[in-house]
Amino acid sequence: MSKPHFPDLIRALPDFDGPFDAHRLVAEGCEVLFASYPANTRIEAHTHPSRNVGVITSGELRLTKGDKETRYGPGDWYHLDANEEHAARFDVETSEIEFWFSV
Protein backbone atom coordinates (compact mmCIF):
# COMPACT_ATOMS: atom_id res chain seq x y z
CA MET A 1 0.00 0.00 0.00
CA SER A 2 1.38 3.41 -0.91
CA LYS A 3 2.58 5.62 1.87
CA PRO A 4 0.59 8.70 2.93
CA HIS A 5 2.82 10.90 0.76
CA PHE A 6 0.06 10.88 -1.85
CA PRO A 7 -3.30 12.57 -1.08
CA ASP A 8 -6.34 10.46 -0.18
CA LEU A 9 -7.91 10.95 -3.63
CA ILE A 10 -4.81 9.48 -5.29
CA ARG A 11 -4.64 6.57 -2.82
CA ALA A 12 -8.30 5.82 -3.60
CA LEU A 13 -7.46 5.07 -7.25
CA PRO A 14 -7.30 1.39 -8.29
CA ASP A 15 -4.16 -0.52 -7.32
CA PHE A 16 -1.60 -1.23 -10.03
CA ASP A 17 -1.13 -4.97 -10.56
CA GLY A 18 2.64 -5.08 -10.88
CA PRO A 19 5.93 -5.67 -9.07
CA PHE A 20 5.73 -2.45 -7.02
CA ASP A 21 3.15 -0.51 -5.02
CA ALA A 22 1.23 2.04 -7.07
CA HIS A 23 -2.21 3.46 -7.76
CA ARG A 24 -3.23 3.54 -11.41
CA LEU A 25 -4.97 6.25 -13.42
CA VAL A 26 -5.69 5.31 -17.03
CA ALA A 27 -5.99 7.91 -19.75
CA GLU A 28 -6.24 7.29 -23.48
CA GLY A 29 -2.73 6.43 -24.68
CA CYS A 30 -1.18 6.70 -21.21
CA GLU A 31 -1.22 5.08 -17.79
CA VAL A 32 -0.35 7.24 -14.80
CA LEU A 33 1.09 5.48 -11.76
CA PHE A 34 1.52 6.99 -8.30
CA ALA A 35 4.21 4.64 -7.06
CA SER A 36 5.92 4.09 -3.71
CA TYR A 37 9.06 2.03 -3.16
CA PRO A 38 10.42 0.91 0.22
CA ALA A 39 14.07 1.59 0.99
CA ASN A 40 16.47 -0.89 -0.61
CA THR A 41 14.14 -1.79 -3.50
CA ARG A 42 15.97 -3.07 -6.58
CA ILE A 43 14.42 -3.55 -10.01
CA GLU A 44 16.62 -5.60 -12.32
CA ALA A 45 17.38 -4.59 -15.89
CA HIS A 46 14.29 -4.85 -18.11
CA THR A 47 12.42 -3.20 -20.98
CA HIS A 48 8.81 -2.42 -21.72
CA PRO A 49 7.00 -1.28 -24.86
CA SER A 50 5.90 2.07 -23.41
CA ARG A 51 7.75 5.38 -23.43
CA ASN A 52 8.08 6.48 -19.80
CA VAL A 53 8.44 9.83 -18.12
CA GLY A 54 8.52 10.17 -14.36
CA VAL A 55 9.03 12.71 -11.62
CA ILE A 56 10.36 11.92 -8.15
CA THR A 57 8.11 13.40 -5.45
CA SER A 58 10.10 12.20 -2.42
CA GLY A 59 13.22 10.14 -1.87
CA GLU A 60 15.67 9.19 -4.61
CA LEU A 61 15.83 7.06 -7.75
CA ARG A 62 19.10 5.71 -9.10
CA LEU A 63 18.35 4.82 -12.73
CA THR A 64 20.82 2.80 -14.79
CA LYS A 65 20.74 2.95 -18.58
CA GLY A 66 23.57 1.07 -20.25
CA ASP A 67 26.61 1.53 -18.03
CA LYS A 68 25.53 4.96 -16.72
CA GLU A 69 23.74 5.44 -13.40
CA THR A 70 21.96 8.78 -12.79
CA ARG A 71 20.52 10.02 -9.50
CA TYR A 72 17.08 11.68 -9.49
CA GLY A 73 15.71 13.48 -6.42
CA PRO A 74 12.49 15.35 -5.63
CA GLY A 75 11.34 17.43 -8.58
CA ASP A 76 13.67 15.67 -11.06
CA TRP A 77 12.19 14.18 -14.23
CA TYR A 78 13.53 11.15 -16.08
CA HIS A 79 12.74 9.82 -19.57
CA LEU A 80 12.89 6.32 -21.06
CA ASP A 81 12.36 5.39 -24.68
CA ALA A 82 10.22 2.39 -25.60
CA ASN A 83 12.21 -0.85 -25.28
CA GLU A 84 15.16 0.97 -23.64
CA GLU A 85 16.84 -1.36 -21.17
CA HIS A 86 17.11 0.08 -17.68
CA ALA A 87 17.36 -0.87 -14.01
CA ALA A 88 16.27 1.05 -10.92
CA ARG A 89 17.48 1.28 -7.35
CA PHE A 90 15.79 2.99 -4.41
CA ASP A 91 18.17 3.20 -1.42
CA VAL A 92 15.67 5.29 0.58
CA GLU A 93 11.87 5.22 0.72
CA THR A 94 10.76 6.90 -2.51
CA SER A 95 7.59 8.01 -4.25
CA GLU A 96 7.13 9.10 -7.84
CA ILE A 97 4.56 9.77 -10.50
CA GLU A 98 5.16 7.71 -13.65
CA PHE A 99 3.60 8.25 -17.07
CA TRP A 100 3.63 5.18 -19.34
CA PHE A 101 2.82 6.30 -22.89
CA SER A 102 1.64 3.77 -25.48
CA VAL A 103 3.64 3.77 -28.69
PDB file of N, CA and C in Angstrom:
ATOM      1  N   MET A   1       0.849  -1.186   0.000  1.00  0.00           N
ATOM      2  CA  MET A   1       0.000   0.000   0.000  1.00  0.00           C
ATOM      3  C   MET A   1       0.887   1.239   0.000  1.00  0.00           C
ATOM      4  N   SER A   2       0.544   2.228  -0.809  1.00  0.00           N
ATOM      5  CA  SER A   2       1.380   3.413  -0.909  1.00  0.00           C
ATOM      6  C   SER A   2       1.363   4.200   0.397  1.00  0.00           C
ATOM      7  N   LYS A   3       2.464   4.846   0.642  1.00  0.00           N
ATOM      8  CA  LYS A   3       2.575   5.620   1.872  1.00  0.00           C
ATOM      9  C   LYS A   3       1.719   6.874   1.776  1.00  0.00           C
ATOM     10  N   PRO A   4       1.475   7.537   2.905  1.00  0.00           N
ATOM     11  CA  PRO A   4       0.592   8.702   2.926  1.00  0.00           C
ATOM     12  C   PRO A   4       1.122   9.915   2.166  1.00  0.00           C
ATOM     13  N   HIS A   5       2.266   9.796   1.535  1.00  0.00           N
ATOM     14  CA  HIS A   5       2.824  10.901   0.761  1.00  0.00           C
ATOM     15  C   HIS A   5       1.807  11.408  -0.267  1.00  0.00           C
ATOM     16  N   PHE A   6       1.049  10.500  -0.854  1.00  0.00           N
ATOM     17  CA  PHE A   6       0.057  10.884  -1.848  1.00  0.00           C
ATOM     18  C   PHE A   6      -1.269  11.217  -1.154  1.00  0.00           C
ATOM     19  N   PRO A   7      -2.009  12.194  -1.681  1.00  0.00           N
ATOM     20  CA  PRO A   7      -3.299  12.569  -1.081  1.00  0.00           C
ATOM     21  C   PRO A   7      -4.304  11.417  -1.129  1.00  0.00           C
ATOM     22  N   ASP A   8      -5.307  11.502  -0.271  1.00  0.00           N
ATOM     23  CA  ASP A   8      -6.340  10.460  -0.183  1.00  0.00           C
ATOM     24  C   ASP A   8      -6.986  10.155  -1.526  1.00  0.00           C
ATOM     25  N   LEU A   9      -7.264  11.178  -2.333  1.00  0.00           N
ATOM     26  CA  LEU A   9      -7.909  10.947  -3.629  1.00  0.00           C
ATOM     27  C   LEU A   9      -7.034  10.108  -4.552  1.00  0.00           C
ATOM     28  N   ILE A  10      -5.735  10.290  -4.479  1.00  0.00           N
ATOM     29  CA  ILE A  10      -4.814   9.480  -5.287  1.00  0.00           C
ATOM     30  C   ILE A  10      -4.773   8.058  -4.742  1.00  0.00           C
ATOM     31  N   ARG A  11      -4.683   7.914  -3.424  1.00  0.00           N
ATOM     32  CA  ARG A  11      -4.635   6.573  -2.824  1.00  0.00           C
ATOM     33  C   ARG A  11      -5.936   5.804  -3.011  1.00  0.00           C
ATOM     34  N   ALA A  12      -7.022   6.492  -3.350  1.00  0.00           N
ATOM     35  CA  ALA A  12      -8.304   5.825  -3.598  1.00  0.00           C
ATOM     36  C   ALA A  12      -8.406   5.273  -5.020  1.00  0.00           C
ATOM     37  N   LEU A  13      -7.455   5.614  -5.895  1.00  0.00           N
ATOM     38  CA  LEU A  13      -7.457   5.068  -7.254  1.00  0.00           C
ATOM     39  C   LEU A  13      -7.200   3.564  -7.208  1.00  0.00           C
ATOM     40  N   PRO A  14      -7.551   2.836  -8.269  1.00  0.00           N
ATOM     41  CA  PRO A  14      -7.305   1.387  -8.286  1.00  0.00           C
ATOM     42  C   PRO A  14      -5.819   1.071  -8.130  1.00  0.00           C
ATOM     43  N   ASP A  15      -5.538  -0.052  -7.468  1.00  0.00           N
ATOM     44  CA  ASP A  15      -4.161  -0.518  -7.323  1.00  0.00           C
ATOM     45  C   ASP A  15      -3.617  -0.965  -8.667  1.00  0.00           C
ATOM     46  N   PHE A  16      -2.330  -0.736  -8.866  1.00  0.00           N
ATOM     47  CA  PHE A  16      -1.602  -1.231 -10.027  1.00  0.00           C
ATOM     48  C   PHE A  16      -1.228  -2.677  -9.751  1.00  0.00           C
ATOM     49  N   ASP A  17      -1.459  -3.555 -10.703  1.00  0.00           N
ATOM     50  CA  ASP A  17      -1.130  -4.971 -10.559  1.00  0.00           C
ATOM     51  C   ASP A  17       0.254  -5.201 -11.159  1.00  0.00           C
ATOM     52  N   GLY A  18       1.277  -4.943 -10.386  1.00  0.00           N
ATOM     53  CA  GLY A  18       2.637  -5.075 -10.883  1.00  0.00           C
ATOM     54  C   GLY A  18       3.610  -5.324  -9.749  1.00  0.00           C
ATOM     55  N   PRO A  19       4.907  -5.282 -10.050  1.00  0.00           N
ATOM     56  CA  PRO A  19       5.926  -5.670  -9.071  1.00  0.00           C
ATOM     57  C   PRO A  19       6.279  -4.578  -8.064  1.00  0.00           C
ATOM     58  N   PHE A  20       5.508  -3.492  -8.017  1.00  0.00           N
ATOM     59  CA  PHE A  20       5.731  -2.449  -7.022  1.00  0.00           C
ATOM     60  C   PHE A  20       4.386  -1.848  -6.639  1.00  0.00           C
ATOM     61  N   ASP A  21       4.373  -1.079  -5.563  1.00  0.00           N
ATOM     62  CA  ASP A  21       3.148  -0.510  -5.022  1.00  0.00           C
ATOM     63  C   ASP A  21       2.814   0.785  -5.753  1.00  0.00           C
ATOM     64  N   ALA A  22       1.634   0.831  -6.365  1.00  0.00           N
ATOM     65  CA  ALA A  22       1.225   2.038  -7.071  1.00  0.00           C
ATOM     66  C   ALA A  22      -0.291   2.072  -7.209  1.00  0.00           C
ATOM     67  N   HIS A  23      -0.814   3.265  -7.415  1.00  0.00           N
ATOM     68  CA  HIS A  23      -2.210   3.459  -7.762  1.00  0.00           C
ATOM     69  C   HIS A  23      -2.232   3.904  -9.217  1.00  0.00           C
ATOM     70  N   ARG A  24      -3.233   3.423  -9.951  1.00  0.00           N
ATOM     71  CA  ARG A  24      -3.233   3.544 -11.409  1.00  0.00           C
ATOM     72  C   ARG A  24      -4.361   4.439 -11.893  1.00  0.00           C
ATOM     73  N   LEU A  25      -4.005   5.389 -12.751  1.00  0.00           N
ATOM     74  CA  LEU A  25      -4.967   6.247 -13.418  1.00  0.00           C
ATOM     75  C   LEU A  25      -4.770   6.039 -14.912  1.00  0.00           C
ATOM     76  N   VAL A  26      -5.807   5.594 -15.606  1.00  0.00           N
ATOM     77  CA  VAL A  26      -5.688   5.311 -17.028  1.00  0.00           C
ATOM     78  C   VAL A  26      -6.286   6.466 -17.830  1.00  0.00           C
ATOM     79  N   ALA A  27      -5.524   6.905 -18.805  1.00  0.00           N
ATOM     80  CA  ALA A  27      -5.987   7.912 -19.750  1.00  0.00           C
ATOM     81  C   ALA A  27      -5.734   7.337 -21.138  1.00  0.00           C
ATOM     82  N   GLU A  28      -6.424   7.820 -22.143  1.00  0.00           N
ATOM     83  CA  GLU A  28      -6.235   7.290 -23.479  1.00  0.00           C
ATOM     84  C   GLU A  28      -4.785   7.490 -23.910  1.00  0.00           C
ATOM     85  N   GLY A  29      -4.109   6.382 -24.222  1.00  0.00           N
ATOM     86  CA  GLY A  29      -2.728   6.431 -24.676  1.00  0.00           C
ATOM     87  C   GLY A  29      -1.689   6.548 -23.578  1.00  0.00           C
ATOM     88  N   CYS A  30      -2.136   6.529 -22.312  1.00  0.00           N
ATOM     89  CA  CYS A  30      -1.182   6.701 -21.213  1.00  0.00           C
ATOM     90  C   CYS A  30      -1.751   6.113 -19.926  1.00  0.00           C
ATOM     91  N   GLU A  31      -0.885   5.464 -19.154  1.00  0.00           N
ATOM     92  CA  GLU A  31      -1.217   5.076 -17.793  1.00  0.00           C
ATOM     93  C   GLU A  31      -0.415   5.984 -16.878  1.00  0.00           C
ATOM     94  N   VAL A  32      -1.030   6.417 -15.786  1.00  0.00           N
ATOM     95  CA  VAL A  32      -0.347   7.242 -14.804  1.00  0.00           C
ATOM     96  C   VAL A  32      -0.295   6.439 -13.507  1.00  0.00           C
ATOM     97  N   LEU A  33       0.908   6.251 -12.986  1.00  0.00           N
ATOM     98  CA  LEU A  33       1.092   5.480 -11.755  1.00  0.00           C
ATOM     99  C   LEU A  33       1.634   6.390 -10.661  1.00  0.00           C
ATOM    100  N   PHE A  34       1.040   6.301  -9.493  1.00  0.00           N
ATOM    101  CA  PHE A  34       1.515   6.992  -8.301  1.00  0.00           C
ATOM    102  C   PHE A  34       2.173   5.902  -7.461  1.00  0.00           C
ATOM    103  N   ALA A  35       3.478   5.801  -7.568  1.00  0.00           N
ATOM    104  CA  ALA A  35       4.206   4.639  -7.062  1.00  0.00           C
ATOM    105  C   ALA A  35       5.012   4.965  -5.811  1.00  0.00           C
ATOM    106  N   SER A  36       5.106   3.987  -4.915  1.00  0.00           N
ATOM    107  CA  SER A  36       5.918   4.090  -3.712  1.00  0.00           C
ATOM    108  C   SER A  36       6.822   2.872  -3.620  1.00  0.00           C
ATOM    109  N   TYR A  37       8.068   3.099  -3.258  1.00  0.00           N
ATOM    110  CA  TYR A  37       9.060   2.033  -3.157  1.00  0.00           C
ATOM    111  C   TYR A  37       9.694   2.066  -1.776  1.00  0.00           C
ATOM    112  N   PRO A  38       9.715   0.944  -1.060  1.00  0.00           N
ATOM    113  CA  PRO A  38      10.420   0.907   0.219  1.00  0.00           C
ATOM    114  C   PRO A  38      11.927   1.064   0.011  1.00  0.00           C
ATOM    115  N   ALA A  39      12.610   1.501   1.044  1.00  0.00           N
ATOM    116  CA  ALA A  39      14.069   1.594   0.986  1.00  0.00           C
ATOM    117  C   ALA A  39      14.655   0.246   0.595  1.00  0.00           C
ATOM    118  N   ASN A  40      15.723   0.294  -0.165  1.00  0.00           N
ATOM    119  CA  ASN A  40      16.474  -0.885  -0.613  1.00  0.00           C
ATOM    120  C   ASN A  40      15.754  -1.713  -1.674  1.00  0.00           C
ATOM    121  N   THR A  41      14.795  -1.116  -2.381  1.00  0.00           N
ATOM    122  CA  THR A  41      14.143  -1.792  -3.497  1.00  0.00           C
ATOM    123  C   THR A  41      15.075  -1.787  -4.699  1.00  0.00           C
ATOM    124  N   ARG A  42      15.177  -2.929  -5.359  1.00  0.00           N
ATOM    125  CA  ARG A  42      15.972  -3.065  -6.577  1.00  0.00           C
ATOM    126  C   ARG A  42      15.071  -3.625  -7.672  1.00  0.00           C
ATOM    127  N   ILE A  43      15.138  -3.029  -8.844  1.00  0.00           N
ATOM    128  CA  ILE A  43      14.417  -3.553 -10.012  1.00  0.00           C
ATOM    129  C   ILE A  43      15.479  -3.876 -11.054  1.00  0.00           C
ATOM    130  N   GLU A  44      15.597  -5.138 -11.382  1.00  0.00           N
ATOM    131  CA  GLU A  44      16.624  -5.604 -12.317  1.00  0.00           C
ATOM    132  C   GLU A  44      16.408  -5.027 -13.716  1.00  0.00           C
ATOM    133  N   ALA A  45      17.435  -5.098 -14.521  1.00  0.00           N
ATOM    134  CA  ALA A  45      17.383  -4.587 -15.894  1.00  0.00           C
ATOM    135  C   ALA A  45      16.216  -5.229 -16.648  1.00  0.00           C
ATOM    136  N   HIS A  46      15.469  -4.392 -17.370  1.00  0.00           N
ATOM    137  CA  HIS A  46      14.294  -4.846 -18.110  1.00  0.00           C
ATOM    138  C   HIS A  46      13.937  -3.796 -19.156  1.00  0.00           C
ATOM    139  N   THR A  47      12.973  -4.135 -19.986  1.00  0.00           N
ATOM    140  CA  THR A  47      12.423  -3.200 -20.975  1.00  0.00           C
ATOM    141  C   THR A  47      10.905  -3.293 -20.921  1.00  0.00           C
ATOM    142  N   HIS A  48      10.247  -2.335 -21.510  1.00  0.00           N
ATOM    143  CA  HIS A  48       8.808  -2.417 -21.721  1.00  0.00           C
ATOM    144  C   HIS A  48       8.464  -1.608 -22.966  1.00  0.00           C
ATOM    145  N   PRO A  49       7.325  -1.899 -23.582  1.00  0.00           N
ATOM    146  CA  PRO A  49       7.002  -1.283 -24.863  1.00  0.00           C
ATOM    147  C   PRO A  49       6.558   0.181 -24.766  1.00  0.00           C
ATOM    148  N   SER A  50       6.357   0.688 -23.564  1.00  0.00           N
ATOM    149  CA  SER A  50       5.903   2.072 -23.415  1.00  0.00           C
ATOM    150  C   SER A  50       7.080   3.044 -23.333  1.00  0.00           C
ATOM    151  N   ARG A  51       6.803   4.293 -23.702  1.00  0.00           N
ATOM    152  CA  ARG A  51       7.749   5.383 -23.429  1.00  0.00           C
ATOM    153  C   ARG A  51       7.374   5.896 -22.047  1.00  0.00           C
ATOM    154  N   ASN A  52       8.364   6.082 -21.177  1.00  0.00           N
ATOM    155  CA  ASN A  52       8.081   6.476 -19.801  1.00  0.00           C
ATOM    156  C   ASN A  52       8.710   7.814 -19.462  1.00  0.00           C
ATOM    157  N   VAL A  53       7.962   8.582 -18.702  1.00  0.00           N
ATOM    158  CA  VAL A  53       8.438   9.827 -18.124  1.00  0.00           C
ATOM    159  C   VAL A  53       8.004   9.775 -16.669  1.00  0.00           C
ATOM    160  N   GLY A  54       8.883  10.181 -15.764  1.00  0.00           N
ATOM    161  CA  GLY A  54       8.516  10.167 -14.360  1.00  0.00           C
ATOM    162  C   GLY A  54       9.121  11.338 -13.623  1.00  0.00           C
ATOM    163  N   VAL A  55       8.508  11.665 -12.490  1.00  0.00           N
ATOM    164  CA  VAL A  55       9.027  12.713 -11.616  1.00  0.00           C
ATOM    165  C   VAL A  55       9.069  12.159 -10.188  1.00  0.00           C
ATOM    166  N   ILE A  56      10.185  12.370  -9.537  1.00  0.00           N
ATOM    167  CA  ILE A  56      10.356  11.921  -8.154  1.00  0.00           C
ATOM    168  C   ILE A  56       9.671  12.951  -7.260  1.00  0.00           C
ATOM    169  N   THR A  57       8.808  12.488  -6.354  1.00  0.00           N
ATOM    170  CA  THR A  57       8.107  13.402  -5.449  1.00  0.00           C
ATOM    171  C   THR A  57       8.694  13.369  -4.044  1.00  0.00           C
ATOM    172  N   SER A  58       9.360  12.275  -3.675  1.00  0.00           N
ATOM    173  CA  SER A  58      10.101  12.199  -2.416  1.00  0.00           C
ATOM    174  C   SER A  58      11.101  11.060  -2.538  1.00  0.00           C
ATOM    175  N   GLY A  59      12.218  11.195  -1.842  1.00  0.00           N
ATOM    176  CA  GLY A  59      13.225  10.144  -1.874  1.00  0.00           C
ATOM    177  C   GLY A  59      14.200  10.309  -3.021  1.00  0.00           C
ATOM    178  N   GLU A  60      14.629   9.161  -3.579  1.00  0.00           N
ATOM    179  CA  GLU A  60      15.671   9.188  -4.607  1.00  0.00           C
ATOM    180  C   GLU A  60      15.621   7.935  -5.477  1.00  0.00           C
ATOM    181  N   LEU A  61      15.717   8.141  -6.773  1.00  0.00           N
ATOM    182  CA  LEU A  61      15.829   7.057  -7.750  1.00  0.00           C
ATOM    183  C   LEU A  61      17.238   7.060  -8.306  1.00  0.00           C
ATOM    184  N   ARG A  62      17.838   5.886  -8.385  1.00  0.00           N
ATOM    185  CA  ARG A  62      19.096   5.715  -9.104  1.00  0.00           C
ATOM    186  C   ARG A  62      18.765   4.845 -10.309  1.00  0.00           C
ATOM    187  N   LEU A  63      18.768   5.463 -11.484  1.00  0.00           N
ATOM    188  CA  LEU A  63      18.352   4.818 -12.727  1.00  0.00           C
ATOM    189  C   LEU A  63      19.582   4.498 -13.560  1.00  0.00           C
ATOM    190  N   THR A  64      19.695   3.239 -13.965  1.00  0.00           N
ATOM    191  CA  THR A  64      20.821   2.802 -14.787  1.00  0.00           C
ATOM    192  C   THR A  64      20.330   2.523 -16.190  1.00  0.00           C
ATOM    193  N   LYS A  65      20.981   3.183 -17.158  1.00  0.00           N
ATOM    194  CA  LYS A  65      20.743   2.947 -18.581  1.00  0.00           C
ATOM    195  C   LYS A  65      22.108   2.662 -19.181  1.00  0.00           C
ATOM    196  N   GLY A  66      22.257   1.470 -19.773  1.00  0.00           N
ATOM    197  CA  GLY A  66      23.574   1.067 -20.253  1.00  0.00           C
ATOM    198  C   GLY A  66      24.514   0.942 -19.071  1.00  0.00           C
ATOM    199  N   ASP A  67      25.666   1.592 -19.149  1.00  0.00           N
ATOM    200  CA  ASP A  67      26.609   1.534 -18.030  1.00  0.00           C
ATOM    201  C   ASP A  67      26.616   2.836 -17.222  1.00  0.00           C
ATOM    202  N   LYS A  68      25.595   3.681 -17.414  1.00  0.00           N
ATOM    203  CA  LYS A  68      25.532   4.965 -16.718  1.00  0.00           C
ATOM    204  C   LYS A  68      24.394   4.976 -15.703  1.00  0.00           C
ATOM    205  N   GLU A  69      24.747   5.292 -14.441  1.00  0.00           N
ATOM    206  CA  GLU A  69      23.739   5.444 -13.396  1.00  0.00           C
ATOM    207  C   GLU A  69      23.554   6.938 -13.124  1.00  0.00           C
ATOM    208  N   THR A  70      22.282   7.379 -13.059  1.00  0.00           N
ATOM    209  CA  THR A  70      21.961   8.775 -12.789  1.00  0.00           C
ATOM    210  C   THR A  70      21.056   8.837 -11.573  1.00  0.00           C
ATOM    211  N   ARG A  71      21.319   9.810 -10.697  1.00  0.00           N
ATOM    212  CA  ARG A  71      20.519  10.015  -9.497  1.00  0.00           C
ATOM    213  C   ARG A  71      19.450  11.068  -9.781  1.00  0.00           C
ATOM    214  N   TYR A  72      18.202  10.753  -9.362  1.00  0.00           N
ATOM    215  CA  TYR A  72      17.080  11.676  -9.491  1.00  0.00           C
ATOM    216  C   TYR A  72      16.464  11.881  -8.111  1.00  0.00           C
ATOM    217  N   GLY A  73      16.309  13.141  -7.706  1.00  0.00           N
ATOM    218  CA  GLY A  73      15.708  13.478  -6.423  1.00  0.00           C
ATOM    219  C   GLY A  73      14.391  14.189  -6.617  1.00  0.00           C
ATOM    220  N   PRO A  74      13.780  14.683  -5.543  1.00  0.00           N
ATOM    221  CA  PRO A  74      12.487  15.345  -5.631  1.00  0.00           C
ATOM    222  C   PRO A  74      12.490  16.482  -6.660  1.00  0.00           C
ATOM    223  N   GLY A  75      11.485  16.428  -7.540  1.00  0.00           N
ATOM    224  CA  GLY A  75      11.342  17.428  -8.585  1.00  0.00           C
ATOM    225  C   GLY A  75      12.073  17.096  -9.867  1.00  0.00           C
ATOM    226  N   ASP A  76      12.927  16.067  -9.853  1.00  0.00           N
ATOM    227  CA  ASP A  76      13.668  15.675 -11.056  1.00  0.00           C
ATOM    228  C   ASP A  76      12.822  14.756 -11.926  1.00  0.00           C
ATOM    229  N   TRP A  77      12.890  14.990 -13.232  1.00  0.00           N
ATOM    230  CA  TRP A  77      12.190  14.180 -14.227  1.00  0.00           C
ATOM    231  C   TRP A  77      13.180  13.265 -14.931  1.00  0.00           C
ATOM    232  N   TYR A  78      12.734  12.052 -15.253  1.00  0.00           N
ATOM    233  CA  TYR A  78      13.534  11.145 -16.079  1.00  0.00           C
ATOM    234  C   TYR A  78      12.697  10.718 -17.284  1.00  0.00           C
ATOM    235  N   HIS A  79      13.388  10.237 -18.315  1.00  0.00           N
ATOM    236  CA  HIS A  79      12.740   9.818 -19.569  1.00  0.00           C
ATOM    237  C   HIS A  79      13.330   8.475 -19.997  1.00  0.00           C
ATOM    238  N   LEU A  80      12.473   7.598 -20.502  1.00  0.00           N
ATOM    239  CA  LEU A  80      12.894   6.317 -21.065  1.00  0.00           C
ATOM    240  C   LEU A  80      12.194   6.114 -22.394  1.00  0.00           C
ATOM    241  N   ASP A  81      12.950   5.728 -23.396  1.00  0.00           N
ATOM    242  CA  ASP A  81      12.355   5.395 -24.682  1.00  0.00           C
ATOM    243  C   ASP A  81      11.724   4.014 -24.619  1.00  0.00           C
ATOM    244  N   ALA A  82      10.808   3.726 -25.514  1.00  0.00           N
ATOM    245  CA  ALA A  82      10.224   2.388 -25.602  1.00  0.00           C
ATOM    246  C   ALA A  82      11.342   1.382 -25.846  1.00  0.00           C
ATOM    247  N   ASN A  83      11.266   0.266 -25.161  1.00  0.00           N
ATOM    248  CA  ASN A  83      12.214  -0.846 -25.284  1.00  0.00           C
ATOM    249  C   ASN A  83      13.643  -0.487 -24.875  1.00  0.00           C
ATOM    250  N   GLU A  84      13.831   0.605 -24.143  1.00  0.00           N
ATOM    251  CA  GLU A  84      15.159   0.974 -23.641  1.00  0.00           C
ATOM    252  C   GLU A  84      15.441   0.191 -22.354  1.00  0.00           C
ATOM    253  N   GLU A  85      16.514  -0.577 -22.364  1.00  0.00           N
ATOM    254  CA  GLU A  85      16.844  -1.361 -21.170  1.00  0.00           C
ATOM    255  C   GLU A  85      17.284  -0.433 -20.047  1.00  0.00           C
ATOM    256  N   HIS A  86      16.780  -0.727 -18.839  1.00  0.00           N
ATOM    257  CA  HIS A  86      17.106   0.079 -17.678  1.00  0.00           C
ATOM    258  C   HIS A  86      16.888  -0.737 -16.410  1.00  0.00           C
ATOM    259  N   ALA A  87      17.531  -0.283 -15.332  1.00  0.00           N
ATOM    260  CA  ALA A  87      17.359  -0.870 -14.008  1.00  0.00           C
ATOM    261  C   ALA A  87      17.171   0.283 -13.034  1.00  0.00           C
ATOM    262  N   ALA A  88      16.538   0.001 -11.900  1.00  0.00           N
ATOM    263  CA  ALA A  88      16.272   1.051 -10.916  1.00  0.00           C
ATOM    264  C   ALA A  88      16.671   0.580  -9.529  1.00  0.00           C
ATOM    265  N   ARG A  89      17.095   1.553  -8.729  1.00  0.00           N
ATOM    266  CA  ARG A  89      17.476   1.276  -7.349  1.00  0.00           C
ATOM    267  C   ARG A  89      16.938   2.409  -6.479  1.00  0.00           C
ATOM    268  N   PHE A  90      16.336   2.035  -5.356  1.00  0.00           N
ATOM    269  CA  PHE A  90      15.795   2.994  -4.405  1.00  0.00           C
ATOM    270  C   PHE A  90      16.433   2.697  -3.054  1.00  0.00           C
ATOM    271  N   ASP A  91      17.467   3.441  -2.680  1.00  0.00           N
ATOM    272  CA  ASP A  91      18.169   3.200  -1.418  1.00  0.00           C
ATOM    273  C   ASP A  91      17.386   3.732  -0.226  1.00  0.00           C
ATOM    274  N   VAL A  92      16.527   4.725  -0.464  1.00  0.00           N
ATOM    275  CA  VAL A  92      15.674   5.291   0.578  1.00  0.00           C
ATOM    276  C   VAL A  92      14.223   5.170   0.121  1.00  0.00           C
ATOM    277  N   GLU A  93      13.288   5.258   1.072  1.00  0.00           N
ATOM    278  CA  GLU A  93      11.871   5.216   0.725  1.00  0.00           C
ATOM    279  C   GLU A  93      11.592   6.320  -0.287  1.00  0.00           C
ATOM    280  N   THR A  94      10.924   5.974  -1.381  1.00  0.00           N
ATOM    281  CA  THR A  94      10.764   6.899  -2.505  1.00  0.00           C
ATOM    282  C   THR A  94       9.356   6.818  -3.072  1.00  0.00           C
ATOM    283  N   SER A  95       8.861   7.961  -3.519  1.00  0.00           N
ATOM    284  CA  SER A  95       7.591   8.012  -4.252  1.00  0.00           C
ATOM    285  C   SER A  95       7.813   8.782  -5.543  1.00  0.00           C
ATOM    286  N   GLU A  96       7.030   8.422  -6.550  1.00  0.00           N
ATOM    287  CA  GLU A  96       7.134   9.097  -7.836  1.00  0.00           C
ATOM    288  C   GLU A  96       5.815   8.994  -8.578  1.00  0.00           C
ATOM    289  N   ILE A  97       5.685   9.841  -9.569  1.00  0.00           N
ATOM    290  CA  ILE A  97       4.558   9.769 -10.496  1.00  0.00           C
ATOM    291  C   ILE A  97       5.153   9.357 -11.837  1.00  0.00           C
ATOM    292  N   GLU A  98       4.640   8.258 -12.400  1.00  0.00           N
ATOM    293  CA  GLU A  98       5.158   7.706 -13.651  1.00  0.00           C
ATOM    294  C   GLU A  98       4.078   7.798 -14.729  1.00  0.00           C
ATOM    295  N   PHE A  99       4.482   8.190 -15.912  1.00  0.00           N
ATOM    296  CA  PHE A  99       3.597   8.255 -17.070  1.00  0.00           C
ATOM    297  C   PHE A  99       4.100   7.231 -18.084  1.00  0.00           C
ATOM    298  N   TRP A 100       3.267   6.234 -18.396  1.00  0.00           N
ATOM    299  CA  TRP A 100       3.628   5.177 -19.335  1.00  0.00           C
ATOM    300  C   TRP A 100       2.822   5.412 -20.610  1.00  0.00           C
ATOM    301  N   PHE A 101       3.487   5.945 -21.640  1.00  0.00           N
ATOM    302  CA  PHE A 101       2.820   6.300 -22.891  1.00  0.00           C
ATOM    303  C   PHE A 101       2.864   5.139 -23.882  1.00  0.00           C
ATOM    304  N   SER A 102       1.708   4.795 -24.432  1.00  0.00           N
ATOM    305  CA  SER A 102       1.638   3.767 -25.478  1.00  0.00           C
ATOM    306  C   SER A 102       2.348   4.282 -26.713  1.00  0.00           C
ATOM    307  N   VAL A 103       2.955   3.362 -27.454  1.00  0.00           N
ATOM    308  CA  VAL A 103       3.643   3.766 -28.690  1.00  0.00           C
ATOM    309  C   VAL A 103       2.905   3.223 -29.888  1.00  0.00           C
TER     310      VAL A 103
END
